[in-house]
Protein backbone atom coordinates (compact mmCIF):
# COMPACT_ATOMS: atom_id res chain seq x y z
CA MET A 1 96.76 180.85 136.13
CA THR A 2 94.47 178.78 133.94
CA ALA A 3 93.46 175.27 134.20
CA ALA A 4 95.30 174.72 130.64
CA VAL A 5 98.44 175.97 131.92
CA THR A 6 98.14 174.17 135.17
CA ALA A 7 97.67 170.79 133.30
CA ALA A 8 100.45 171.30 131.00
CA PRO A 9 102.96 168.32 130.75
CA LEU A 10 106.18 168.85 132.63
CA LEU A 11 109.26 168.08 130.42
CA LEU A 12 112.68 167.54 132.51
CA VAL A 13 116.06 167.23 130.78
CA GLU A 14 119.11 166.20 132.39
CA ARG A 15 122.23 165.23 130.68
CA ASN A 16 124.11 164.22 133.95
CA ALA A 17 121.44 161.72 135.02
CA HIS A 18 123.72 158.94 134.52
CA ARG A 19 125.82 159.99 137.07
CA VAL A 20 125.92 158.45 140.44
CA ALA A 21 126.20 161.67 142.60
CA GLY A 22 124.68 165.04 142.13
CA HIS A 23 122.05 167.25 143.37
CA HIS A 24 119.84 166.81 140.18
CA HIS A 25 118.65 163.57 141.21
CA ALA A 26 116.66 164.93 144.01
CA ALA A 27 115.28 167.59 141.93
CA LEU A 28 114.28 165.35 139.07
CA ILE A 29 112.30 162.87 141.55
CA ALA A 30 110.85 165.92 143.59
CA LEU A 31 109.46 167.63 140.68
CA ALA A 32 108.30 164.63 138.85
CA ARG A 33 106.37 163.38 141.98
CA GLN A 34 104.84 166.84 142.53
CA ALA A 35 103.70 167.10 138.71
CA ARG A 36 102.27 163.75 138.83
CA ALA A 37 100.55 164.54 142.38
CA GLU A 38 99.01 167.30 140.31
CA GLY A 39 97.64 165.27 137.38
CA ARG A 40 100.43 166.29 134.98
CA GLN A 41 102.05 164.17 132.58
CA VAL A 42 106.00 163.99 133.42
CA VAL A 43 108.60 163.09 130.68
CA VAL A 44 112.28 163.04 131.68
CA ALA A 45 114.83 163.37 128.85
CA ALA A 46 118.33 161.84 129.63
CA PRO A 47 120.13 161.77 126.74
CA ASP A 48 123.19 159.95 128.30
CA GLY A 49 121.11 157.33 130.36
CA ILE A 50 119.83 157.50 134.08
CA THR A 51 120.94 155.82 137.21
CA THR A 52 118.86 152.73 138.38
CA ASP A 53 117.84 154.33 141.67
CA THR A 54 116.53 157.45 139.92
CA GLY A 55 114.96 155.63 137.09
CA GLN A 56 113.14 153.41 139.60
CA ALA A 57 111.98 156.40 141.57
CA LEU A 58 110.84 158.13 138.30
CA ALA A 59 108.98 155.11 136.98
CA ALA A 60 107.38 154.56 140.27
CA SER A 61 105.96 157.93 140.18
CA GLY A 62 104.65 157.41 136.76
CA ALA A 63 107.05 159.56 134.67
CA VAL A 64 108.04 158.87 131.09
CA ILE A 65 111.81 158.35 130.63
CA VAL A 66 113.27 158.76 127.36
CA ILE A 67 116.99 157.78 126.91
CA GLY A 68 118.95 159.00 123.80
CA ALA A 69 117.18 160.14 120.84
CA GLY A 70 114.10 158.19 121.73
CA GLY A 71 113.51 157.29 117.93
CA GLU A 72 113.00 161.01 116.84
CA PRO A 73 115.07 161.26 113.58
CA VAL A 74 116.19 165.08 113.79
CA GLY A 75 116.89 164.47 117.77
CA ALA A 76 119.22 161.51 116.59
CA VAL A 77 121.07 163.59 114.23
CA LEU A 78 121.59 166.31 116.73
CA LEU A 79 122.64 163.78 119.39
CA GLY A 80 125.20 162.07 117.10
CA ALA A 81 126.72 165.48 116.29
CA GLY A 82 126.80 166.29 119.98
CA LEU A 83 128.43 163.01 121.07
CA LEU A 84 130.99 163.60 118.09
CA LEU A 85 131.63 167.16 119.30
CA SER A 86 132.12 165.78 122.84
CA ALA A 87 134.68 163.16 121.59
CA LEU A 88 136.52 165.55 119.78
CA SER A 89 136.59 167.99 122.82
CA HIS A 90 138.07 165.31 125.01
CA ALA A 91 140.67 164.46 122.21
CA ALA A 92 141.70 168.23 121.94
CA ILE A 93 142.03 168.20 125.87
CA ARG A 94 144.57 165.45 125.62
CA LEU A 95 146.48 166.92 122.76
CA THR A 96 146.75 170.63 124.05
CA ALA A 97 147.91 169.27 127.69
CA ALA A 98 151.10 168.39 126.56
CA ARG A 99 152.53 171.76 125.86
CA ARG A 100 151.86 175.45 126.00
CA TRP A 101 149.62 176.38 122.83
CA PRO A 102 148.35 179.93 121.90
CA ARG A 103 145.16 180.77 123.67
CA PRO A 104 142.83 180.01 120.83
CA ILE A 105 143.92 176.43 120.65
CA ARG A 106 143.64 176.21 124.34
CA ARG A 107 140.08 177.31 124.26
CA LEU A 108 139.22 174.85 121.28
CA PRO A 109 138.23 171.88 123.45
CA HIS A 110 135.97 174.04 125.70
CA GLN A 111 134.27 175.41 122.55
CA LEU A 112 133.66 172.20 121.10
CA MET A 113 132.15 170.99 124.39
CA LEU A 114 129.82 174.06 124.79
CA ALA A 115 128.66 173.39 121.15
CA SER A 116 128.30 169.75 121.89
CA ARG A 117 125.97 170.55 125.13
CA CYS A 118 123.97 172.82 122.98
CA LEU A 119 123.21 169.93 120.43
CA THR A 120 122.56 167.50 123.13
CA GLU A 121 120.25 169.80 125.00
CA ALA A 122 118.36 170.43 121.67
CA ALA A 123 118.20 166.78 120.82
CA ALA A 124 116.82 166.15 124.28
CA LEU A 125 114.28 168.86 124.26
CA ARG A 126 112.91 167.88 120.90
CA VAL A 127 112.74 164.27 121.91
CA GLY A 128 111.03 164.93 125.33
CA ALA A 129 108.59 167.27 123.69
CA ARG A 130 107.54 164.55 121.03
CA ALA A 131 106.79 162.01 124.07
CA CYS A 132 104.42 164.74 125.59
CA THR A 133 100.91 163.66 124.62
CA ARG A 134 98.60 166.28 125.82
CA ALA A 135 99.94 169.77 125.06
CA ARG A 136 103.05 172.01 124.73
CA PRO A 137 105.08 171.27 127.83
CA VAL A 138 106.63 173.23 130.46
CA ALA A 139 110.15 172.52 129.72
CA LEU A 140 112.95 172.87 132.13
CA VAL A 141 116.67 172.08 131.47
CA LEU A 142 118.07 171.26 134.80
CA THR A 143 121.83 171.41 134.16
CA ALA A 144 122.32 173.89 131.26
CA ALA A 145 125.01 174.96 129.06
CA GLU A 146 126.32 178.62 129.85
CA GLY A 147 125.99 179.53 126.22
CA LEU A 148 124.26 179.11 122.93
CA HIS A 149 120.91 179.59 124.74
CA ALA A 150 118.81 180.86 121.72
CA LEU A 151 120.44 178.16 119.35
CA THR A 152 119.08 175.59 121.63
CA ALA A 153 115.78 176.74 121.33
CA ALA A 154 116.04 177.30 117.53
CA LEU A 155 117.28 173.75 116.96
CA SER A 156 114.80 171.89 119.33
CA GLY A 157 111.84 174.25 118.66
CA VAL A 158 111.02 174.19 122.14
CA GLY A 159 110.76 177.18 124.50
CA HIS A 160 112.27 176.37 127.80
CA LEU A 161 113.65 177.47 131.07
CA ARG A 162 117.45 176.61 131.65
CA PHE A 163 119.26 176.35 134.97
CA VAL A 164 122.92 177.88 134.45
CA HIS A 165 124.56 176.89 137.46
CA GLU A 166 127.89 178.59 136.82
CA VAL A 167 129.87 180.07 134.05
CA ASP A 168 133.03 178.02 133.23
CA THR A 169 133.75 179.14 129.70
CA THR A 170 132.42 181.74 127.14
CA GLU A 171 131.69 181.72 123.63
CA ASP A 172 134.63 182.60 121.30
CA GLY A 173 134.23 184.26 117.87
CA PRO A 174 132.73 181.21 115.90
CA LEU A 175 130.28 180.37 118.67
CA ARG A 176 129.40 184.20 119.02
CA LEU A 177 128.43 184.35 115.45
CA LEU A 178 126.18 180.93 115.71
CA GLY A 179 124.49 182.48 118.76
CA ALA A 180 123.96 185.75 117.34
CA ALA A 181 122.09 184.01 114.09
CA ALA A 182 119.60 182.54 116.57
CA ARG A 183 119.22 185.88 118.48
CA ARG A 184 115.47 186.03 117.46
CA HIS A 185 114.73 183.03 119.54
CA HIS A 186 115.97 184.66 122.86
CA PRO A 187 112.26 185.44 123.86
CA ALA A 188 111.69 181.40 123.90
CA VAL A 189 114.20 180.86 126.54
CA MET A 190 114.75 182.17 130.01
CA ALA A 191 118.11 181.51 132.15
CA LEU A 192 117.40 180.60 135.90
CA CYS A 193 120.56 181.53 137.93
CA PRO A 194 121.11 180.14 141.30
CA THR A 195 122.99 183.30 142.57
CA ALA A 196 123.07 187.21 141.96
CA SER A 197 126.83 186.58 140.84
CA VAL A 198 126.00 183.95 138.21
CA GLN A 199 123.19 186.17 136.89
CA ALA A 200 125.36 189.13 136.55
CA GLU A 201 127.96 186.96 134.60
CA VAL A 202 125.23 185.59 132.39
CA ARG A 203 123.56 189.17 131.80
CA ALA A 204 127.01 190.74 130.85
CA ARG A 205 127.41 188.22 128.13
CA PHE A 206 123.96 187.65 127.08
CA PRO A 207 122.24 191.11 127.50
CA TYR A 208 119.24 190.20 125.39
CA LEU A 209 118.56 186.82 127.33
CA ASP A 210 115.78 186.99 130.07
CA THR A 211 117.26 185.86 133.55
CA ARG A 212 115.94 185.25 136.88
CA ILE A 213 117.49 184.28 140.27
CA VAL A 214 116.13 181.07 141.48
CA ALA A 215 117.52 178.49 143.84
CA PHE A 216 118.10 175.16 142.23
CA ALA A 217 118.20 173.05 145.56
CA LEU A 218 114.39 172.26 147.09
CA ALA A 219 113.25 172.14 150.50
CA ASP A 220 112.74 168.34 151.45
CA THR A 221 111.32 167.81 155.04
CA GLY A 222 111.24 164.19 154.15
CA ALA A 223 114.93 164.00 154.26
CA TYR A 224 115.23 164.91 158.08
CA ILE A 225 117.28 162.50 159.72
CA SER A 226 115.85 161.20 163.02
CA ASP A 227 117.73 160.79 166.27
CA ALA A 228 117.49 156.98 165.95
CA GLU A 229 118.98 156.98 162.51
CA ARG A 230 121.93 159.11 163.84
CA ARG A 231 122.55 156.89 166.62
CA ALA A 232 122.83 153.93 164.24
CA ALA A 233 124.98 155.61 162.01
CA ARG A 234 127.31 156.68 164.50
CA ALA A 235 127.37 153.06 166.01
CA GLN A 236 128.36 151.69 162.65
CA LEU A 237 131.17 154.34 162.29
CA GLY A 238 132.52 153.29 165.69
CA VAL A 239 132.08 156.72 167.40
CA ARG A 240 131.28 156.66 171.15
CA ASP A 241 129.14 158.99 172.99
CA GLY A 242 130.40 162.48 173.38
CA GLU A 243 132.90 162.28 170.39
CA ARG A 244 132.35 164.99 167.49
CA VAL A 245 132.07 164.10 164.09
CA LEU A 246 132.69 166.55 161.16
CA CYS A 247 131.74 165.75 157.44
CA LEU A 248 133.58 167.17 154.49
CA VAL A 249 131.18 166.04 151.45
CA GLY A 250 131.73 166.52 147.64
CA GLY A 251 134.60 166.35 145.13
CA TRP A 252 137.47 168.63 145.77
CA TRP A 253 136.93 170.94 142.86
CA PRO A 254 138.42 174.37 142.23
CA HIS A 255 135.74 176.25 144.11
CA LYS A 256 136.37 174.25 147.26
CA ASP A 257 139.09 175.53 149.77
CA ILE A 258 140.42 172.49 151.05
CA ALA A 259 143.77 174.11 151.78
CA THR A 260 142.03 176.36 154.54
CA VAL A 261 140.45 173.01 155.92
CA GLU A 262 143.80 171.13 156.00
CA ARG A 263 145.21 174.38 158.00
CA ALA A 264 142.55 174.36 160.34
CA LEU A 265 142.68 170.80 161.11
CA ALA A 266 146.22 171.08 161.95
CA LEU A 267 145.52 173.80 164.49
CA VAL A 268 142.60 172.01 166.50
CA THR A 269 143.28 170.99 170.04
CA ARG A 270 140.16 168.93 170.44
CA PRO A 271 139.87 165.20 169.18
CA LEU A 272 137.39 164.81 166.28
CA HIS A 273 136.41 162.45 163.69
CA LEU A 274 136.37 163.90 159.90
CA LEU A 275 134.35 162.01 157.28
CA ALA A 276 135.86 162.75 153.96
CA ALA A 277 133.30 161.57 151.33
CA GLY A 278 133.17 162.25 147.56
CA SER A 279 135.41 162.47 144.42
CA PRO A 280 137.76 163.37 143.24
CA MET A 281 140.13 164.10 146.23
CA ASN A 282 143.77 164.66 146.63
CA ALA A 283 145.43 161.49 148.11
CA THR A 284 148.65 163.27 149.51
CA VAL A 285 146.36 165.64 151.17
CA LEU A 286 144.38 163.00 152.85
CA GLN A 287 147.49 161.33 153.91
CA ARG A 288 148.54 164.79 155.74
CA ILE A 289 145.05 164.99 157.26
CA ASP A 290 145.27 161.21 158.68
CA ALA A 291 148.58 162.06 160.30
CA LEU A 292 147.32 164.79 162.31
CA PRO A 293 147.22 163.97 166.00
CA HIS A 294 143.84 165.20 166.99
CA VAL A 295 141.99 163.79 163.58
CA VAL A 296 140.49 160.37 163.06
CA LEU A 297 139.87 160.30 159.22
CA HIS A 298 137.29 158.21 157.53
CA VAL A 299 137.40 158.32 153.85
CA GLN A 300 134.85 157.40 151.19
CA HIS A 301 136.72 158.33 147.92
CA ARG A 302 133.94 157.69 145.37
CA GLU A 303 130.68 159.22 144.14
CA LEU A 304 128.17 158.52 146.73
CA PRO A 305 124.49 157.65 145.78
CA GLY A 306 121.90 159.38 147.89
CA ALA A 307 121.50 156.66 150.60
CA HIS A 308 125.09 156.43 151.07
CA LEU A 309 125.33 160.10 151.30
CA ARG A 310 122.63 160.21 153.91
CA ALA A 311 124.59 157.77 156.04
CA VAL A 312 127.52 160.18 156.07
CA TYR A 313 125.17 163.11 157.19
CA ALA A 314 123.51 160.95 159.65
CA ALA A 315 126.68 160.39 161.50
CA ALA A 316 127.90 163.90 161.60
CA ASP A 317 127.55 166.68 164.11
CA ALA A 318 128.28 169.31 161.47
CA ALA A 319 129.38 169.72 157.91
CA ILE A 320 132.10 171.96 156.83
CA VAL A 321 131.48 173.62 153.58
CA ALA A 322 134.66 175.65 152.78
CA ARG A 323 134.43 177.68 149.49
CA ALA A 324 137.08 179.86 147.76
CA ALA A 325 136.78 183.46 148.00
CA THR A 326 135.63 183.59 144.14
CA ALA A 327 133.08 180.69 144.38
CA ASP A 328 129.82 182.10 143.17
CA LYS A 329 127.62 179.45 142.42
CA GLU A 330 125.02 177.78 144.76
CA SER A 331 126.04 175.46 147.53
CA GLY A 332 124.09 172.10 147.32
CA LEU A 333 125.94 171.17 150.26
CA VAL A 334 124.25 173.95 152.53
CA ALA A 335 121.02 172.77 151.17
CA ASP A 336 121.77 169.27 152.33
CA ALA A 337 122.75 170.29 155.71
CA ALA A 338 119.40 172.12 156.11
CA ASN A 339 117.25 169.50 154.66
CA HIS A 340 119.03 166.60 156.44
CA GLY A 341 119.27 168.36 159.78
CA VAL A 342 122.99 168.73 160.22
CA GLY A 343 124.79 171.80 161.68
CA LEU A 344 126.97 173.94 159.38
CA LEU A 345 130.22 175.49 159.13
CA VAL A 346 130.49 177.32 155.93
CA SER A 347 133.00 179.90 154.51
CA THR A 348 131.21 181.62 151.51
CA PRO A 349 131.65 184.77 149.57
CA ASP A 350 128.03 184.78 148.69
CA ALA A 351 126.78 187.65 150.81
CA ASP A 352 123.00 186.73 150.38
CA LEU A 353 123.57 183.37 151.65
CA ALA A 354 125.93 184.53 154.64
CA ALA A 355 123.25 187.25 155.52
CA ARG A 356 120.46 184.20 155.45
CA LEU A 357 122.66 181.90 157.86
CA ALA A 358 123.98 184.85 160.10
CA SER A 359 121.41 184.53 162.91
CA ARG A 360 120.69 180.88 162.65
CA PRO A 361 121.77 178.87 165.75
CA TRP A 362 122.32 175.85 163.41
CA ALA A 363 125.01 177.43 161.16
CA ARG A 364 128.34 179.45 161.82
CA VAL A 365 129.46 181.64 158.97
CA LEU A 366 133.33 182.28 158.53
CA ARG A 367 135.37 184.43 156.40
CA PRO A 368 136.84 182.40 153.27
CA GLY A 369 140.44 181.36 153.95
CA ASP A 370 140.35 182.10 157.64
CA ALA A 371 141.77 178.94 159.18
CA ASP A 372 142.09 180.21 162.53
CA ALA A 373 138.55 180.87 162.83
CA LEU A 374 137.69 177.59 161.39
CA ALA A 375 140.00 176.04 163.75
CA ALA A 376 138.41 177.81 166.89
CA ALA A 377 134.99 176.73 165.56
CA LEU A 378 136.13 173.15 165.46
CA ASP A 379 137.50 173.49 168.98
CA GLY A 380 134.24 175.29 170.34
CA PRO A 381 130.46 174.42 170.81
CA LEU A 382 129.21 173.08 167.40
CA PRO A 383 126.13 174.69 165.97
CA ALA A 384 122.73 173.05 166.82
CA ARG A 385 120.81 170.95 164.63
CA PRO A 386 118.51 172.79 162.12
CA HIS A 387 115.08 172.11 162.84
CA PRO A 388 112.83 170.44 160.31
CA GLY A 389 112.05 172.89 157.52
CA ALA A 390 115.01 175.02 158.00
CA ALA A 391 115.66 174.65 154.24
CA THR A 392 113.25 177.56 153.81
CA GLU A 393 115.31 179.91 155.99
CA VAL A 394 118.00 179.63 153.13
CA GLY A 395 115.50 180.39 150.30
CA LEU A 396 114.72 176.87 149.22
CA MET A 397 111.35 176.34 147.59
CA SER A 398 109.11 173.23 148.15
CA PRO A 399 108.39 171.06 145.24
CA ALA A 400 105.04 172.48 144.89
CA GLU A 401 106.22 176.10 145.19
CA ALA A 402 109.00 175.51 142.48
CA LEU A 403 106.77 173.87 139.81
CA ALA A 404 104.21 176.57 140.34
CA ARG A 405 107.00 179.23 139.63
CA PHE A 406 108.40 177.39 136.75
CA THR A 407 104.78 177.11 135.38
CA ALA A 408 104.32 180.73 135.54
CA LEU A 409 107.63 181.60 134.07
CA ALA A 410 107.25 179.11 131.21
CA ASN A 411 103.68 180.16 130.35
CA GLY A 412 105.23 183.51 129.20
CA LEU A 413 107.65 181.72 127.13
CA THR A 414 105.51 179.31 125.17
CA ARG A 415 103.14 182.22 124.24
CA ARG A 416 106.20 183.87 122.29
CA ILE A 417 108.09 181.04 120.65
CA ARG A 418 107.74 181.01 116.95
């Protein structure tokens, strides 16, 4: 790799930077710090704003933060159009929720949102690239839409890598036509997919698009929780010595198998504390779990910033990660457990992840939907604590490794754009 490429600025785009929770905050900060340590300029484009904690951490590292359109006129037009389409999408969701409409009408809100995200990403790339003062940047969209990839490059004029975490919707006819019109820009973009299943979905829909399987979560040895921190967190919770504590972290989204967790908790015979933290949750299910004879339930029903989430992990002996049999995206919770040093009870359909965890003393892999097996695991000896650096055992790269790989991949793109 040449010195010129190594010195290229790093442009990070994150449309969810304003949200309190999410694994993108850790990635933003870690990549920015690593790039600055290498003497590179860092620009973070956050079209909808950024949380105070993340903004302060990025500013302390020396990153330039661009909010909204940043005074760039074309970017302002793109961002304004994106915000309008987003508002129309939300209005369409409300209108179509009241009755059963034909499929094209039911899909209209999702098509509007996909177009909105394309425009927002293009605006952020455009204004972020303008803020890069030294050279053409290595541009990375950390939370990218699952469609209109080439159109985003065409509208922004910026070759970039884009993390596609999952495929929630697809392009219908009108959007496919727009995407086809920009097909010549496919060489300027590359989709980074966290799992083989996501890559297969993206490839099936966009056979001309270059894709790679790359883990999004990063290894973070500095996140490891000390024994003293664990004792303090458990004392704060009121847990006595010898009592076991499990945590169930994150919102109860469709890919989470909360029903199996509830059935397993009803079967346990050994007392335990359960920390349920995140949003959204089902209040009725929480009430049923709270009534179980062997479960002491502690609930934090809100999106948790990093420091609060760390306190949850610090108090826990193990984390429960229960995923539906159709869940194919990366589990940030597995990365959390490995980085923080928390044992893991995980059910996943991801064969690669299951194989990586199968022989680890700090993880127990269960079949999705198997409540009896989960109950037995909760009653039996819990997994050991992961050792510092265990994140590498599940395929996570360090920030330095990730930045080197992103730079190498982007180098090929920047030579081909326009």
